[in-house]
Protein backbone atom coordinates (compact mmCIF):
# COMPACT_ATOMS: atom_id res chain seq x y z
CA HIS A 1 0.02 0.08 -0.08
CA MET A 2 2.83 2.58 -1.27
CA ASP A 3 0.30 5.00 -2.55
CA ILE A 4 3.36 7.02 -5.03
CA LYS A 5 2.28 7.95 -7.93
CA SER A 6 5.10 6.79 -9.73
CA VAL A 7 3.53 3.29 -9.47
CA GLY A 8 1.33 3.43 -13.07
CA GLU A 9 1.39 1.88 -16.25
CA GLY A 10 4.18 0.27 -17.17
CA CYS A 11 5.89 1.06 -13.41
CA VAL A 12 8.37 -1.70 -12.91
CA VAL A 13 7.90 -2.51 -9.08
CA ILE A 14 10.98 -4.65 -7.21
CA SER A 15 9.52 -5.90 -3.83
CA PRO A 16 11.64 -8.21 -1.88
CA VAL A 17 10.17 -11.65 -1.03
CA LEU A 18 10.32 -12.02 2.57
CA VAL A 19 8.33 -15.55 3.21
CA PRO A 20 7.73 -18.47 1.43
CA GLY A 21 4.79 -18.73 -1.40
CA ALA A 22 4.50 -15.22 -0.56
CA GLY A 23 2.28 -13.21 -3.29
CA VAL A 24 1.08 -10.53 -4.75
CA TYR A 25 -1.53 -7.93 -5.01
CA VAL A 26 -2.64 -4.58 -6.07
CA GLY A 27 -4.74 -2.45 -3.95
CA ASP A 28 -6.84 0.45 -4.59
CA VAL A 29 -6.40 2.20 -7.67
CA HIS A 30 -5.95 5.43 -7.55
CA LEU A 31 -7.69 7.93 -10.68
CA THR A 32 -5.25 10.72 -9.52
CA GLN A 33 -3.18 11.60 -6.53
CA GLY A 34 -0.59 14.29 -5.79
CA ASP A 35 2.29 13.60 -3.18
CA GLY A 36 1.35 12.60 0.13
CA GLU A 37 -2.48 11.15 -0.06
CA ILE A 38 -3.56 14.58 2.57
CA ALA A 39 -6.61 13.68 3.04
CA GLY A 40 -5.99 9.53 3.83
CA HIS A 41 -8.11 9.42 0.31
CA THR A 42 -8.35 9.82 -2.97
CA LEU A 43 -10.26 9.34 -5.87
CA ASP A 44 -9.80 5.33 -5.92
CA ILE A 45 -11.87 3.40 -9.25
CA SER A 46 -11.96 -0.33 -9.78
CA ALA A 47 -9.41 -1.20 -12.66
CA ARG A 48 -8.22 -4.17 -14.45
CA VAL A 49 -4.87 -4.78 -13.66
CA SER A 50 -1.88 -6.99 -16.01
CA VAL A 51 0.95 -7.96 -13.58
CA ARG A 52 4.20 -9.48 -14.67
CA VAL A 53 5.74 -11.28 -11.94
CA ALA A 54 9.83 -11.93 -12.46
CA LEU A 55 11.96 -13.97 -9.75
CA ILE A 56 14.90 -11.78 -9.45
CA LYS A 57 17.01 -14.87 -7.78
CA HIS A 58 19.65 -13.41 -4.62
CA LEU A 59 19.12 -9.22 -4.92
CA ASN A 60 19.11 -8.82 -1.48
CA ILE A 61 16.62 -5.74 -0.95
CA GLU A 62 15.00 -4.42 2.33
CA GLY A 63 12.20 -2.85 0.99
CA PRO A 64 10.73 -1.77 -2.64
CA ILE A 65 12.57 -0.33 -5.88
CA LEU A 66 11.03 1.20 -8.34
CA ILE A 67 12.22 1.86 -11.88
CA PRO A 68 8.86 4.47 -13.43
CA SER A 69 8.03 4.31 -16.22
CA VAL A 70 9.23 7.70 -18.77
CA SER A 71 5.62 8.80 -18.55
CA GLU A 72 5.70 9.15 -15.34
CA LEU A 73 9.24 10.56 -14.49
CA ASP A 74 9.23 14.41 -14.08
CA SER A 75 11.27 15.73 -16.86
CA ARG A 76 14.48 15.82 -14.54
CA PHE A 77 14.54 12.57 -14.29
CA VAL A 78 14.27 11.48 -17.84
CA PRO A 79 17.37 9.12 -19.34
CA PHE A 80 18.59 11.19 -22.26
CA SER A 81 18.66 9.91 -25.71
CA ASP A 82 20.85 8.00 -27.64
CA GLU A 83 21.04 11.04 -29.70
CA GLU A 84 21.55 13.76 -27.32
CA TYR A 85 24.70 12.10 -25.79
CA ASP A 86 25.71 11.62 -29.24
CA ARG A 87 25.65 15.38 -29.13
CA ALA A 88 27.12 15.97 -25.93
CA ASP A 89 29.71 13.74 -26.57
CA LYS A 90 30.16 15.90 -30.66
CA LEU A 91 30.76 18.82 -28.41
CA LEU A 92 32.69 17.99 -25.57
CA ALA A 93 34.75 15.95 -27.85
CA ARG A 94 35.91 19.92 -29.45
CA TYR A 95 37.29 20.20 -26.32
CA GLY A 96 39.05 16.83 -25.64
CA LYS A 97 36.06 15.76 -23.74
CA ARG A 98 33.78 13.06 -23.06
CA LEU A 99 30.91 12.15 -21.36
CA PRO A 100 32.36 9.49 -18.39
CA VAL A 101 29.16 8.32 -17.67
CA ARG A 102 25.62 6.95 -18.51
CA ASN A 103 23.11 7.84 -15.78
CA TYR A 104 19.68 6.28 -14.98
CA PRO A 105 16.34 7.30 -12.52
CA ILE A 106 15.45 4.55 -9.77
CA GLN A 107 13.45 5.49 -6.58
CA PHE A 108 13.95 3.44 -3.29
CA VAL A 109 10.48 3.33 -1.28
CA GLY A 110 11.05 3.76 2.62
CA SER A 111 9.47 3.97 5.23
CA GLY A 112 8.75 4.49 8.52
CA SER A 113 6.37 5.89 11.92
CA ASN A 114 6.95 9.20 9.92
CA MET A 115 8.27 11.13 7.32
CA ASN A 116 11.80 12.00 9.00
CA GLU A 117 12.44 8.27 9.66
CA GLY A 118 10.81 7.18 6.13
CA MET A 119 13.49 9.93 4.72
CA GLU A 120 16.84 7.67 6.90
CA ASN A 121 14.78 4.02 5.85
CA ALA A 122 14.63 5.77 1.68
CA PHE A 123 18.64 6.44 2.51
CA ASP A 124 19.83 3.32 4.96
CA ARG A 125 18.10 1.21 2.30
CA ALA A 126 19.96 3.32 -0.77
CA GLN A 127 23.30 3.10 1.25
CA LYS A 128 23.25 -0.22 1.96
CA LEU A 129 22.46 -1.86 -1.54
CA THR A 130 24.33 0.94 -3.84
CA GLY A 131 27.32 0.77 -1.67
CA LEU A 132 27.23 4.60 -1.82
CA PRO A 133 28.63 7.37 0.38
CA ARG A 134 25.33 8.61 2.92
CA GLY A 135 26.88 12.22 1.63
CA GLU A 136 27.40 11.17 -1.87
CA LEU A 137 23.50 9.93 -2.28
CA MET A 138 22.80 12.83 0.29
CA ASN A 139 23.61 15.23 -2.79
CA ARG A 140 22.87 13.19 -5.51
CA ALA A 141 18.98 12.90 -4.12
CA THR A 142 19.58 17.41 -4.04
CA VAL A 143 21.24 17.73 -7.33
CA GLY A 144 20.00 15.59 -9.88
CA GLY A 145 17.04 13.27 -7.45
CA GLU A 146 14.13 14.45 -4.74
CA ILE A 147 12.00 13.05 -1.94
CA GLY A 148 9.16 12.27 -2.43
CA ILE A 149 5.88 11.24 -0.59
CA GLY A 150 3.68 8.62 -0.67
CA ARG A 151 1.73 9.11 2.92
CA THR A 152 2.11 11.58 5.12
CA SER A 153 2.26 8.96 7.51
CA GLY A 154 5.83 7.91 6.54
CA LEU A 155 5.76 6.94 3.44
CA VAL A 156 8.37 8.38 1.21
CA TYR A 157 10.59 7.73 -2.03
CA LEU A 158 13.86 9.10 -2.91
CA THR A 159 14.14 9.01 -6.49
CA MET A 160 17.98 9.48 -8.36
CA MET A 161 20.33 9.23 -10.78
CA LEU A 162 22.71 6.49 -10.44
CA GLU A 163 25.11 5.34 -12.40
CA GLU A 164 25.63 2.36 -15.46
CA LYS A 165 28.18 0.30 -13.09
CA THR A 166 26.42 1.50 -10.42
CA LEU A 167 22.85 0.34 -11.67
CA GLU A 168 25.77 -3.02 -12.80
CA LYS A 169 27.09 -3.89 -9.50
CA MET A 170 23.15 -4.02 -7.45
CA GLY A 171 22.12 -5.83 -10.17
CA LEU A 172 19.99 -4.34 -11.74
CA LEU A 173 21.03 -2.28 -15.02
CA LYS A 174 19.72 -4.88 -17.52
CA LEU A 175 16.16 -4.22 -15.86
CA VAL A 176 17.14 -0.66 -16.10
CA LEU A 177 17.84 -0.15 -19.64
CA ALA A 178 15.20 -2.55 -20.58
CA GLN A 179 12.53 -0.37 -19.13
CA TYR A 180 14.12 2.76 -20.38
CA ASN A 181 14.67 1.08 -24.13
CA LYS A 182 18.53 1.14 -23.44
CA GLN A 183 19.67 -2.38 -24.88
């Protein structure tokens, strides 16, 4: 019951399986919702939902990770196209430089008894899975990311751009590239 607005059509939700035989269910479907579900409800609707499930063995996560569809991303986080990377490389080549990395958006879900605890939990999960120092994660979230509010009761999502090498180390690069049609 995340109530996160980027969980929509085409979104990839990666969730830990904590008990043998765990199942998947879809809760209430929202017609529209902003950050926070301030009133404790929104415009719930009936819907037909198709879900494809795949097992990712040996991925050790403590909470959900989201790879939103491009249509659900803020324009600041939409991955550059190959053409945009080519144009940037051509421009930088004039100065003897090259773009060192390609970055893609990913969201870590955090929860707690309040939003501060939820944010700390999201950073803890991100730090554990990426292996990046907390200060770097905080800077990435400030400069090229954000904290979004799923529920004001303490559920947040941490959006940040991560380099391909970090996503590879996490075991998620192929899934991220497939989501953004980069394979």
